Amino acid sequence: MKFNLSSNSCKSIIATTFLLLFTSSNYAQVIEIQRISSNESDLYFMHKIRKSETLFSIARTYGVNLPELTNYNSDIATKLITESHEIRIPIEAHSILEDSIPGASPVYYKIKPKDNLFSLSHRVFKKSENLLAKLNSGNTSNMHPGNFLKIGYFKFNVPAESVLAKEVHPQENSERIEESPIHLIPNAAYSRGIAYVERNRLGEGRYFALHATAPIESSIAITNPVNMRTIYAKVIGRLPPIYEAGTQVVVSSSVARYLGIPDNRFYAVITYQQRK
């Protein structure tokens, strides 16, 4: 018996499934795969940023690394992102499962003009035509633009109590460095990338930082692009070689708390003074 996957009926199925999944899990959802037109093998889906998420927690949840995430989202590098901002999540075709497992979400693709089963099967999703037929109840002939084709399933990597992190507030008695507008930093330079939190050796209640080039005793602005919080920290030393390549700054735990960072590393935007 064939299943008629009309656009309206499939949208209804996806919406209903989404509601059922969303009520049972923070991250269970129906995934609609999209592809970049210039390269049909570059697949992605959209994620709406939620309260207290960081780019690192999002990357960890979906099993991607930070460079991949930033490559697919050029606006991360040009503007601050906020709650409800949508970003692209890259996904590899081989990570789409053929069979459903507990906690996995169904993956669909919205058919576009000029799509055909052979191209989608062999060039884009690397799935056999027989498998796609099985996933779609035997009906793969209704390849009209706007219809949905089920591709498989995707399992999120959800670490316990860390993906949707608790909101963190700065301590009331923490010492604060007086904030000044970013443009008051003389000879300012900007960088974006990995920031680490040193919770033991930079002093509790102090807004301190280690940086590779900013003058010692100068203040640098550190911004969490997810919630747009910015704090100024005092540079007290250089980055030690124990941190991974590409690390931009190491901050004290008080800086992390102010920025709402629950993890030991995060993605940050840094404004600092260049050495003359």
C-alpha atoms as a PDB file:
ATOM      1  CA  MET A   1       0.000   0.000   0.000  1.00  0.00           C
ATOM      2  CA  LYS A   2       1.425   3.355  -1.019  1.00  0.00           C
ATOM      3  CA  PHE A   3       1.583   6.381   1.198  1.00  0.00           C
ATOM      4  CA  ASN A   4       0.752   9.749  -0.361  1.00  0.00           C
ATOM      5  CA  LEU A   5       3.315  12.199   1.015  1.00  0.00           C
ATOM      6  CA  SER A   6       1.614  15.412  -0.020  1.00  0.00           C
ATOM      7  CA  SER A   7       3.177  18.649   1.199  1.00  0.00           C
ATOM      8  CA  ASN A   8       0.305  19.584   3.518  1.00  0.00           C
ATOM      9  CA  SER A   9      -0.105  16.131   5.041  1.00  0.00           C
ATOM     10  CA  CYS A  10       3.611  15.728   5.600  1.00  0.00           C
ATOM     11  CA  LYS A  11       3.840  19.155   7.208  1.00  0.00           C
ATOM     12  CA  SER A  12       1.034  18.103   9.543  1.00  0.00           C
ATOM     13  CA  ILE A  13       2.859  14.872  10.391  1.00  0.00           C
ATOM     14  CA  ILE A  14       6.084  16.757  11.095  1.00  0.00           C
ATOM     15  CA  ALA A  15       4.330  19.355  13.255  1.00  0.00           C
ATOM     16  CA  THR A  16       2.515  16.696  15.291  1.00  0.00           C
ATOM     17  CA  THR A  17       5.670  14.643  15.722  1.00  0.00           C
ATOM     18  CA  PHE A  18       7.565  17.756  16.782  1.00  0.00           C
ATOM     19  CA  LEU A  19       5.053  18.522  19.525  1.00  0.00           C
ATOM     20  CA  LEU A  20       5.179  14.966  20.849  1.00  0.00           C
ATOM     21  CA  LEU A  21       8.973  14.878  20.841  1.00  0.00           C
ATOM     22  CA  PHE A  22       9.441  18.346  22.268  1.00  0.00           C
ATOM     23  CA  THR A  23       7.291  17.617  25.304  1.00  0.00           C
ATOM     24  CA  SER A  24       9.356  14.553  26.158  1.00  0.00           C
ATOM     25  CA  SER A  25      12.882  15.910  25.703  1.00  0.00           C
ATOM     26  CA  ASN A  26      14.671  19.240  25.535  1.00  0.00           C
ATOM     27  CA  TYR A  27      16.470  18.326  22.345  1.00  0.00           C
ATOM     28  CA  ALA A  28      14.246  15.766  20.620  1.00  0.00           C
ATOM     29  CA  GLN A  29      12.871  17.341  17.486  1.00  0.00           C
ATOM     30  CA  VAL A  30      12.098  16.751  13.852  1.00  0.00           C
ATOM     31  CA  ILE A  31      15.082  17.779  11.757  1.00  0.00           C
ATOM     32  CA  GLU A  32      14.664  19.335   8.330  1.00  0.00           C
ATOM     33  CA  ILE A  33      17.911  18.942   6.407  1.00  0.00           C
ATOM     34  CA  GLN A  34      18.964  21.689   4.011  1.00  0.00           C
ATOM     35  CA  ARG A  35      21.901  21.885   1.648  1.00  0.00           C
ATOM     36  CA  ILE A  36      24.106  24.629   0.305  1.00  0.00           C
ATOM     37  CA  SER A  37      23.321  25.055  -3.382  1.00  0.00           C
ATOM     38  CA  SER A  38      26.953  25.536  -4.382  1.00  0.00           C
ATOM     39  CA  ASN A  39      27.936  22.183  -2.897  1.00  0.00           C
ATOM     40  CA  GLU A  40      25.225  19.572  -2.674  1.00  0.00           C
ATOM     41  CA  SER A  41      27.158  17.496  -0.143  1.00  0.00           C
ATOM     42  CA  ASP A  42      27.251  20.335   2.426  1.00  0.00           C
ATOM     43  CA  LEU A  43      24.251  19.579   4.627  1.00  0.00           C
ATOM     44  CA  TYR A  44      22.934  21.497   7.605  1.00  0.00           C
ATOM     45  CA  PHE A  45      19.848  22.158   9.717  1.00  0.00           C
ATOM     46  CA  MET A  46      18.771  25.154  11.769  1.00  0.00           C
ATOM     47  CA  HIS A  47      18.990  25.504  15.561  1.00  0.00           C
ATOM     48  CA  LYS A  48      17.386  28.298  17.572  1.00  0.00           C
ATOM     49  CA  ILE A  49      19.620  29.339  20.468  1.00  0.00           C
ATOM     50  CA  ARG A  50      18.044  28.826  23.878  1.00  0.00           C
ATOM     51  CA  LYS A  51      18.580  30.502  27.207  1.00  0.00           C
ATOM     52  CA  SER A  52      21.987  29.818  28.804  1.00  0.00           C
ATOM     53  CA  GLU A  53      23.334  27.911  25.788  1.00  0.00           C
ATOM     54  CA  THR A  54      26.883  28.551  24.656  1.00  0.00           C
ATOM     55  CA  LEU A  55      28.381  27.851  21.246  1.00  0.00           C
ATOM     56  CA  PHE A  56      30.478  25.123  22.870  1.00  0.00           C
ATOM     57  CA  SER A  57      27.453  23.390  24.411  1.00  0.00           C
ATOM     58  CA  ILE A  58      25.622  23.578  21.061  1.00  0.00           C
ATOM     59  CA  ALA A  59      28.627  22.146  19.223  1.00  0.00           C
ATOM     60  CA  ARG A  60      28.944  19.345  21.788  1.00  0.00           C
ATOM     61  CA  THR A  61      25.248  18.510  21.581  1.00  0.00           C
ATOM     62  CA  TYR A  62      25.347  18.053  17.828  1.00  0.00           C
ATOM     63  CA  GLY A  63      28.784  16.443  17.660  1.00  0.00           C
ATOM     64  CA  VAL A  64      30.511  19.199  15.671  1.00  0.00           C
ATOM     65  CA  ASN A  65      33.583  21.268  16.474  1.00  0.00           C
ATOM     66  CA  LEU A  66      33.666  25.017  16.893  1.00  0.00           C
ATOM     67  CA  PRO A  67      35.491  25.801  13.601  1.00  0.00           C
ATOM     68  CA  GLU A  68      32.819  23.859  11.688  1.00  0.00           C
ATOM     69  CA  LEU A  69      30.102  25.829  13.454  1.00  0.00           C
ATOM     70  CA  THR A  70      31.695  29.188  12.702  1.00  0.00           C
ATOM     71  CA  ASN A  71      32.401  28.240   9.066  1.00  0.00           C
ATOM     72  CA  TYR A  72      28.692  27.623   8.512  1.00  0.00           C
ATOM     73  CA  ASN A  73      27.668  30.822  10.325  1.00  0.00           C
ATOM     74  CA  SER A  74      29.592  33.822   9.046  1.00  0.00           C
ATOM     75  CA  ASP A  75      27.434  36.177  11.132  1.00  0.00           C
ATOM     76  CA  ILE A  76      28.954  34.741  14.329  1.00  0.00           C
ATOM     77  CA  ALA A  77      32.156  36.485  13.327  1.00  0.00           C
ATOM     78  CA  THR A  78      30.524  39.815  12.453  1.00  0.00           C
ATOM     79  CA  LYS A  79      27.853  40.367  15.106  1.00  0.00           C
ATOM     80  CA  LEU A  80      26.784  39.215  18.537  1.00  0.00           C
ATOM     81  CA  ILE A  81      24.223  36.438  18.672  1.00  0.00           C
ATOM     82  CA  THR A  82      21.385  36.293  21.153  1.00  0.00           C
ATOM     83  CA  GLU A  83      18.713  33.975  22.471  1.00  0.00           C
ATOM     84  CA  SER A  84      16.311  32.917  19.663  1.00  0.00           C
ATOM     85  CA  HIS A  85      18.998  33.634  17.043  1.00  0.00           C
ATOM     86  CA  GLU A  86      19.039  30.801  14.469  1.00  0.00           C
ATOM     87  CA  ILE A  87      22.305  29.222  13.412  1.00  0.00           C
ATOM     88  CA  ARG A  88      23.235  26.512  10.919  1.00  0.00           C
ATOM     89  CA  ILE A  89      24.345  23.143  12.303  1.00  0.00           C
ATOM     90  CA  PRO A  90      26.478  21.164   9.817  1.00  0.00           C
ATOM     91  CA  ILE A  91      25.702  17.469   9.551  1.00  0.00           C
ATOM     92  CA  GLU A  92      27.501  14.697   7.694  1.00  0.00           C
ATOM     93  CA  ALA A  93      25.451  12.288   5.584  1.00  0.00           C
ATOM     94  CA  HIS A  94      27.091   9.290   7.283  1.00  0.00           C
ATOM     95  CA  SER A  95      25.864  10.489  10.703  1.00  0.00           C
ATOM     96  CA  ILE A  96      22.225  10.070   9.613  1.00  0.00           C
ATOM     97  CA  LEU A  97      21.156   6.663  10.927  1.00  0.00           C
ATOM     98  CA  GLU A  98      19.173   4.159   8.901  1.00  0.00           C
ATOM     99  CA  ASP A  99      17.205   2.818  11.875  1.00  0.00           C
ATOM    100  CA  SER A 100      15.537   4.544  14.789  1.00  0.00           C
ATOM    101  CA  ILE A 101      17.145   4.196  18.216  1.00  0.00           C
ATOM    102  CA  PRO A 102      16.021   5.585  21.599  1.00  0.00           C
ATOM    103  CA  GLY A 103      16.412   9.349  21.681  1.00  0.00           C
ATOM    104  CA  ALA A 104      16.907   9.696  17.924  1.00  0.00           C
ATOM    105  CA  SER A 105      14.996  12.268  15.901  1.00  0.00           C
ATOM    106  CA  PRO A 106      13.581  11.704  12.399  1.00  0.00           C
ATOM    107  CA  VAL A 107      15.345  13.550   9.588  1.00  0.00           C
ATOM    108  CA  TYR A 108      13.453  14.947   6.593  1.00  0.00           C
ATOM    109  CA  TYR A 109      14.469  16.747   3.429  1.00  0.00           C
ATOM    110  CA  LYS A 110      12.186  19.191   1.624  1.00  0.00           C
ATOM    111  CA  ILE A 111      12.302  18.418  -2.082  1.00  0.00           C
ATOM    112  CA  LYS A 112      13.411  21.247  -4.348  1.00  0.00           C
ATOM    113  CA  PRO A 113      13.004  21.833  -8.101  1.00  0.00           C
ATOM    114  CA  LYS A 114      15.275  19.591 -10.233  1.00  0.00           C
ATOM    115  CA  ASP A 115      15.759  17.113  -7.371  1.00  0.00           C
ATOM    116  CA  ASN A 116      15.498  13.458  -8.322  1.00  0.00           C
ATOM    117  CA  LEU A 117      15.732  10.244  -6.353  1.00  0.00           C
ATOM    118  CA  PHE A 118      18.992   9.072  -7.921  1.00  0.00           C
ATOM    119  CA  SER A 119      20.837  12.307  -7.151  1.00  0.00           C
ATOM    120  CA  LEU A 120      19.508  12.553  -3.595  1.00  0.00           C
ATOM    121  CA  SER A 121      20.249   8.897  -2.928  1.00  0.00           C
ATOM    122  CA  HIS A 122      23.755   8.603  -4.353  1.00  0.00           C
ATOM    123  CA  ARG A 123      25.234  12.103  -4.401  1.00  0.00           C
ATOM    124  CA  VAL A 124      23.672  13.923  -1.473  1.00  0.00           C
ATOM    125  CA  PHE A 125      22.631  11.556   1.312  1.00  0.00           C
ATOM    126  CA  LYS A 126      24.640   8.442   0.360  1.00  0.00           C
ATOM    127  CA  LYS A 127      21.648   6.194   1.051  1.00  0.00           C
ATOM    128  CA  SER A 128      20.355   3.441  -1.221  1.00  0.00           C
ATOM    129  CA  GLU A 129      17.134   3.987  -3.118  1.00  0.00           C
ATOM    130  CA  ASN A 130      15.728   0.869  -1.441  1.00  0.00           C
ATOM    131  CA  LEU A 131      16.410   2.343   2.009  1.00  0.00           C
ATOM    132  CA  LEU A 132      14.707   5.631   1.119  1.00  0.00           C
ATOM    133  CA  ALA A 133      11.742   3.668  -0.201  1.00  0.00           C
ATOM    134  CA  LYS A 134      11.576   1.722   3.073  1.00  0.00           C
ATOM    135  CA  LEU A 135      11.750   4.894   5.174  1.00  0.00           C
ATOM    136  CA  ASN A 136       8.923   6.429   3.136  1.00  0.00           C
ATOM    137  CA  SER A 137       6.545   3.438   3.225  1.00  0.00           C
ATOM    138  CA  GLY A 138       7.479   2.422  -0.297  1.00  0.00           C
ATOM    139  CA  ASN A 139       6.494   5.720  -1.867  1.00  0.00           C
ATOM    140  CA  THR A 140       9.397   7.579  -3.452  1.00  0.00           C
ATOM    141  CA  SER A 141       7.679   8.439  -6.708  1.00  0.00           C
ATOM    142  CA  ASN A 142       6.027  11.606  -5.430  1.00  0.00           C
ATOM    143  CA  MET A 143       9.134  13.766  -5.908  1.00  0.00           C
ATOM    144  CA  HIS A 144       7.409  17.111  -6.232  1.00  0.00           C
ATOM    145  CA  PRO A 145       8.943  20.342  -4.887  1.00  0.00           C
ATOM    146  CA  GLY A 146       7.653  21.080  -1.402  1.00  0.00           C
ATOM    147  CA  ASN A 147       7.069  17.442  -0.474  1.00  0.00           C
ATOM    148  CA  PHE A 148       9.142  15.881   2.298  1.00  0.00           C
ATOM    149  CA  LEU A 149      11.385  12.837   1.973  1.00  0.00           C
ATOM    150  CA  LYS A 150      12.396  10.973   5.116  1.00  0.00           C
ATOM    151  CA  ILE A 151      16.153  10.375   5.140  1.00  0.00           C
ATOM    152  CA  GLY A 152      16.718   8.576   8.449  1.00  0.00           C
ATOM    153  CA  TYR A 153      17.381   9.461  12.088  1.00  0.00           C
ATOM    154  CA  PHE A 154      19.850  11.541  14.081  1.00  0.00           C
ATOM    155  CA  LYS A 155      20.943  10.948  17.682  1.00  0.00           C
ATOM    156  CA  PHE A 156      21.870  13.975  19.748  1.00  0.00           C
ATOM    157  CA  ASN A 157      24.874  13.904  22.046  1.00  0.00           C
ATOM    158  CA  VAL A 158      23.303  15.300  25.219  1.00  0.00           C
ATOM    159  CA  PRO A 159      25.620  15.374  28.243  1.00  0.00           C
ATOM    160  CA  ALA A 160      23.826  15.216  31.579  1.00  0.00           C
ATOM    161  CA  GLU A 161      22.951  18.619  33.084  1.00  0.00           C
ATOM    162  CA  SER A 162      25.297  20.512  30.790  1.00  0.00           C
ATOM    163  CA  VAL A 163      23.551  21.162  27.482  1.00  0.00           C
ATOM    164  CA  LEU A 164      20.874  23.469  28.826  1.00  0.00           C
ATOM    165  CA  ALA A 165      22.979  24.983  31.565  1.00  0.00           C
ATOM    166  CA  LYS A 166      21.645  26.673  34.659  1.00  0.00           C
ATOM    167  CA  GLU A 167      21.648  30.454  34.521  1.00  0.00           C
ATOM    168  CA  VAL A 168      24.629  31.799  36.448  1.00  0.00           C
ATOM    169  CA  HIS A 169      24.700  35.187  38.170  1.00  0.00           C
ATOM    170  CA  PRO A 170      27.780  37.092  39.360  1.00  0.00           C
ATOM    171  CA  GLN A 171      28.384  37.184  43.098  1.00  0.00           C
ATOM    172  CA  GLU A 172      27.111  40.326  44.752  1.00  0.00           C
ATOM    173  CA  ASN A 173      30.418  40.952  46.554  1.00  0.00           C
ATOM    174  CA  SER A 174      32.707  40.312  43.572  1.00  0.00           C
ATOM    175  CA  GLU A 175      35.255  42.983  42.797  1.00  0.00           C
ATOM    176  CA  ARG A 176      34.377  44.663  39.527  1.00  0.00           C
ATOM    177  CA  ILE A 177      36.565  46.527  37.111  1.00  0.00           C
ATOM    178  CA  GLU A 178      34.859  49.707  36.018  1.00  0.00           C
ATOM    179  CA  GLU A 179      33.595  49.222  32.490  1.00  0.00           C
ATOM    180  CA  SER A 180      34.336  51.744  29.760  1.00  0.00           C
ATOM    181  CA  PRO A 181      33.193  51.857  26.132  1.00  0.00           C
ATOM    182  CA  ILE A 182      35.162  49.545  23.860  1.00  0.00           C
ATOM    183  CA  HIS A 183      36.409  52.448  21.743  1.00  0.00           C
ATOM    184  CA  LEU A 184      38.319  53.812  24.759  1.00  0.00           C
ATOM    185  CA  ILE A 185      40.735  50.885  24.578  1.00  0.00           C
ATOM    186  CA  PRO A 186      43.748  52.489  22.858  1.00  0.00           C
ATOM    187  CA  ASN A 187      45.042  50.965  19.630  1.00  0.00           C
ATOM    188  CA  ALA A 188      42.270  48.345  19.850  1.00  0.00           C
ATOM    189  CA  ALA A 189      42.417  44.944  18.160  1.00  0.00           C
ATOM    190  CA  TYR A 190      39.770  42.236  18.019  1.00  0.00           C
ATOM    191  CA  SER A 191      39.803  38.457  18.061  1.00  0.00           C
ATOM    192  CA  ARG A 192      37.282  35.648  18.338  1.00  0.00           C
ATOM    193  CA  GLY A 193      37.784  32.100  19.469  1.00  0.00           C
ATOM    194  CA  ILE A 194      38.299  29.741  22.367  1.00  0.00           C
ATOM    195  CA  ALA A 195      38.394  31.048  25.928  1.00  0.00           C
ATOM    196  CA  TYR A 196      39.248  28.879  28.939  1.00  0.00           C
ATOM    197  CA  VAL A 197      38.176  29.314  32.546  1.00  0.00           C
ATOM    198  CA  GLU A 198      40.838  28.923  35.236  1.00  0.00           C
ATOM    199  CA  ARG A 199      38.818  28.289  38.389  1.00  0.00           C
ATOM    200  CA  ASN A 200      41.630  27.918  40.916  1.00  0.00           C
ATOM    201  CA  ARG A 201      44.738  29.968  40.149  1.00  0.00           C
ATOM    202  CA  LEU A 202      43.534  33.401  39.001  1.00  0.00           C
ATOM    203  CA  GLY A 203      41.897  34.493  42.242  1.00  0.00           C
ATOM    204  CA  GLU A 204      38.289  34.204  43.371  1.00  0.00           C
ATOM    205  CA  GLY A 205      36.243  37.388  43.134  1.00  0.00           C
ATOM    206  CA  ARG A 206      38.711  39.015  40.731  1.00  0.00           C
ATOM    207  CA  TYR A 207      38.247  39.851  37.070  1.00  0.00           C
ATOM    208  CA  PHE A 208      41.595  38.652  35.759  1.00  0.00           C
ATOM    209  CA  ALA A 209      42.761  37.288  32.403  1.00  0.00           C
ATOM    210  CA  LEU A 210      45.784  35.764  30.677  1.00  0.00           C
ATOM    211  CA  HIS A 211      46.394  36.919  27.103  1.00  0.00           C
ATOM    212  CA  ALA A 212      49.106  36.278  24.510  1.00  0.00           C
ATOM    213  CA  THR A 213      49.871  39.853  23.471  1.00  0.00           C
ATOM    214  CA  ALA A 214      47.827  42.474  25.362  1.00  0.00           C
ATOM    215  CA  PRO A 215      49.996  44.627  27.658  1.00  0.00           C
ATOM    216  CA  ILE A 216      50.252  43.390  31.233  1.00  0.00           C
ATOM    217  CA  GLU A 217      48.044  45.461  33.586  1.00  0.00           C
ATOM    218  CA  SER A 218      45.833  46.596  30.672  1.00  0.00           C
ATOM    219  CA  SER A 219      42.094  45.879  30.544  1.00  0.00           C
ATOM    220  CA  ILE A 220      40.550  43.722  27.827  1.00  0.00           C
ATOM    221  CA  ALA A 221      36.866  43.438  26.954  1.00  0.00           C
ATOM    222  CA  ILE A 222      35.493  39.897  26.851  1.00  0.00           C
ATOM    223  CA  THR A 223      32.060  39.315  25.331  1.00  0.00           C
ATOM    224  CA  ASN A 224      29.824  36.256  25.394  1.00  0.00           C
ATOM    225  CA  PRO A 225      28.145  36.500  21.940  1.00  0.00           C
ATOM    226  CA  VAL A 226      25.184  34.376  23.026  1.00  0.00           C
ATOM    227  CA  ASN A 227      23.812  36.698  25.730  1.00  0.00           C
ATOM    228  CA  MET A 228      25.738  39.859  24.684  1.00  0.00           C
ATOM    229  CA  ARG A 229      27.280  40.296  28.134  1.00  0.00           C
ATOM    230  CA  THR A 230      30.619  42.101  28.171  1.00  0.00           C
ATOM    231  CA  ILE A 231      33.071  42.456  31.033  1.00  0.00           C
ATOM    232  CA  TYR A 232      36.477  44.080  31.373  1.00  0.00           C
ATOM    233  CA  ALA A 233      39.244  41.967  32.891  1.00  0.00           C
ATOM    234  CA  LYS A 234      42.760  42.913  33.922  1.00  0.00           C
ATOM    235  CA  VAL A 235      45.590  41.160  32.073  1.00  0.00           C
ATOM    236  CA  ILE A 236      47.947  39.713  34.682  1.00  0.00           C
ATOM    237  CA  GLY A 237      50.020  37.311  32.585  1.00  0.00           C
ATOM    238  CA  ARG A 238      50.648  35.408  29.368  1.00  0.00           C
ATOM    239  CA  LEU A 239      48.942  32.278  28.083  1.00  0.00           C
ATOM    240  CA  PRO A 240      50.803  29.163  29.272  1.00  0.00           C
ATOM    241  CA  PRO A 241      51.537  26.436  26.681  1.00  0.00           C
ATOM    242  CA  ILE A 242      49.249  23.905  28.391  1.00  0.00           C
ATOM    243  CA  TYR A 243      46.175  25.195  26.535  1.00  0.00           C
ATOM    244  CA  GLU A 244      45.175  24.009  23.076  1.00  0.00           C
ATOM    245  CA  ALA A 245      46.299  25.849  19.958  1.00  0.00           C
ATOM    246  CA  GLY A 246      43.996  28.710  19.073  1.00  0.00           C
ATOM    247  CA  THR A 247      43.150  29.649  22.652  1.00  0.00           C
ATOM    248  CA  GLN A 248      42.529  33.406  22.736  1.00  0.00           C
ATOM    249  CA  VAL A 249      42.266  34.107  26.449  1.00  0.00           C
ATOM    250  CA  VAL A 250      42.126  32.446  29.885  1.00  0.00           C
ATOM    251  CA  VAL A 251      39.801  34.068  32.414  1.00  0.00           C
ATOM    252  CA  SER A 252      39.091  33.819  36.121  1.00  0.00           C
ATOM    253  CA  SER A 253      35.950  32.112  37.430  1.00  0.00           C
ATOM    254  CA  SER A 254      34.426  35.491  38.326  1.00  0.00           C
ATOM    255  CA  VAL A 255      34.636  36.571  34.682  1.00  0.00           C
ATOM    256  CA  ALA A 256      32.940  33.329  33.628  1.00  0.00           C
ATOM    257  CA  ARG A 257      30.157  33.793  36.165  1.00  0.00           C
ATOM    258  CA  TYR A 258      29.479  37.339  35.019  1.00  0.00           C
ATOM    259  CA  LEU A 259      29.280  36.180  31.399  1.00  0.00           C
ATOM    260  CA  GLY A 260      26.926  33.317  32.311  1.00  0.00           C
ATOM    261  CA  ILE A 261      29.410  30.589  31.357  1.00  0.00           C
ATOM    262  CA  PRO A 262      28.862  27.213  33.084  1.00  0.00           C
ATOM    263  CA  ASP A 263      31.601  25.292  31.258  1.00  0.00           C
ATOM    264  CA  ASN A 264      35.393  25.343  31.431  1.00  0.00           C
ATOM    265  CA  ARG A 265      35.679  26.790  27.943  1.00  0.00           C
ATOM    266  CA  PHE A 266      33.529  28.938  25.717  1.00  0.00           C
ATOM    267  CA  TYR A 267      33.505  31.025  22.535  1.00  0.00           C
ATOM    268  CA  ALA A 268      34.360  34.661  23.152  1.00  0.00           C
ATOM    269  CA  VAL A 269      34.877  37.954  21.378  1.00  0.00           C
ATOM    270  CA  ILE A 270      37.884  39.835  22.763  1.00  0.00           C
ATOM    271  CA  THR A 271      38.814  43.499  22.404  1.00  0.00           C
ATOM    272  CA  TYR A 272      42.330  44.302  23.584  1.00  0.00           C
ATOM    273  CA  GLN A 273      45.128  46.825  23.261  1.00  0.00           C
ATOM    274  CA  GLN A 274      47.797  46.043  20.695  1.00  0.00           C
ATOM    275  CA  ARG A 275      51.384  46.451  21.767  1.00  0.00           C
ATOM    276  CA  LYS A 276      53.120  49.237  19.872  1.00  0.00           C
END
